[in-house]
């Protein structure tokens, strides 16, 4: 269904769920917070946006050094 514009940054907080996804299906609201911490620990960023036709898009940007180190390991 997408994410309300005013929640696009907020959803990365611990124990936060979008008001559009609180369906009682479970979850604690930690997944995106954990993703952001891991990505930022590697020097990257993660952002959320809405697609024009509906739904959400998450973009992960990582510095090339982090990608090369991951492949070497």
Protein backbone atom coordinates (compact mmCIF):
# COMPACT_ATOMS: atom_id res chain seq x y z
CA UNK A 1 0.00 0.00 0.00
CA UNK A 2 2.99 2.35 0.26
CA UNK A 3 4.10 4.35 3.26
CA UNK A 4 2.63 7.69 4.34
CA UNK A 5 5.06 10.46 3.36
CA UNK A 6 5.49 11.62 6.96
CA UNK A 7 6.58 8.09 7.98
CA UNK A 8 9.24 7.43 5.32
CA UNK A 9 12.07 8.20 7.77
CA UNK A 10 10.25 7.23 10.96
CA UNK A 11 9.83 3.57 9.92
CA UNK A 12 13.57 3.01 10.44
CA UNK A 13 13.16 3.60 14.19
CA UNK A 14 13.12 0.71 16.64
CA UNK A 15 9.67 -0.73 17.37
CA UNK A 16 8.04 1.51 14.71
CA UNK A 17 5.61 0.19 12.13
CA UNK A 18 3.86 2.16 9.42
CA UNK A 19 0.26 3.02 10.22
CA UNK A 20 -0.68 1.32 6.94
CA UNK A 21 0.83 -2.05 7.93
CA UNK A 22 -0.48 -2.54 11.45
CA UNK A 23 -2.72 -5.43 10.48
CA UNK A 24 -2.09 -7.66 13.47
CA UNK A 25 0.05 -9.96 11.31
CA UNK A 26 2.88 -9.83 13.82
CA UNK A 27 6.31 -8.29 13.87
CA UNK A 28 7.97 -5.96 16.33
CA UNK A 29 9.12 -3.16 14.07
CA UNK A 30 12.80 -4.04 14.39
CA UNK A 31 13.61 -5.29 10.88
CA UNK A 32 14.22 -1.94 9.19
CA UNK A 33 16.05 -0.57 12.25
CA UNK A 34 18.41 -3.56 12.16
CA UNK A 35 18.91 -3.21 8.40
CA UNK A 36 19.78 0.46 8.77
CA UNK A 37 22.30 -0.22 11.56
CA UNK A 38 24.07 -2.94 9.55
CA UNK A 39 24.12 -0.87 6.36
CA UNK A 40 25.37 2.27 8.13
CA UNK A 41 28.05 0.24 9.95
CA UNK A 42 29.40 -0.56 6.49
CA UNK A 43 29.31 3.09 5.41
CA UNK A 44 26.09 2.82 3.41
CA UNK A 45 22.61 4.30 3.48
CA UNK A 46 19.07 2.97 3.19
CA UNK A 47 16.05 5.10 2.28
CA UNK A 48 12.37 4.46 1.59
CA UNK A 49 10.13 6.03 -1.04
CA UNK A 50 6.77 5.36 -2.64
CA UNK A 51 6.27 4.14 -6.19
CA UNK A 52 3.87 6.22 -8.30
CA UNK A 53 1.64 3.19 -8.95
CA UNK A 54 1.58 2.10 -5.31
CA UNK A 55 3.88 0.20 -3.03
CA UNK A 56 7.18 1.12 -1.46
CA UNK A 57 10.75 1.09 -2.73
CA UNK A 58 13.82 0.75 -0.53
CA UNK A 59 17.18 1.91 -1.85
CA UNK A 60 20.44 0.66 -0.37
CA UNK A 61 23.65 2.44 -1.35
CA UNK A 62 26.99 0.98 -0.32
CA UNK A 63 30.47 2.35 -0.91
CA UNK A 64 32.37 0.23 -3.42
CA UNK A 65 35.00 -0.64 -0.82
CA UNK A 66 32.41 -2.39 1.37
CA UNK A 67 31.09 -4.38 -1.59
CA UNK A 68 34.59 -5.48 -2.63
CA UNK A 69 35.48 -6.48 0.94
CA UNK A 70 32.29 -8.55 1.23
CA UNK A 71 33.09 -10.42 -1.97
CA UNK A 72 36.68 -11.04 -0.85
CA UNK A 73 35.55 -12.54 2.48
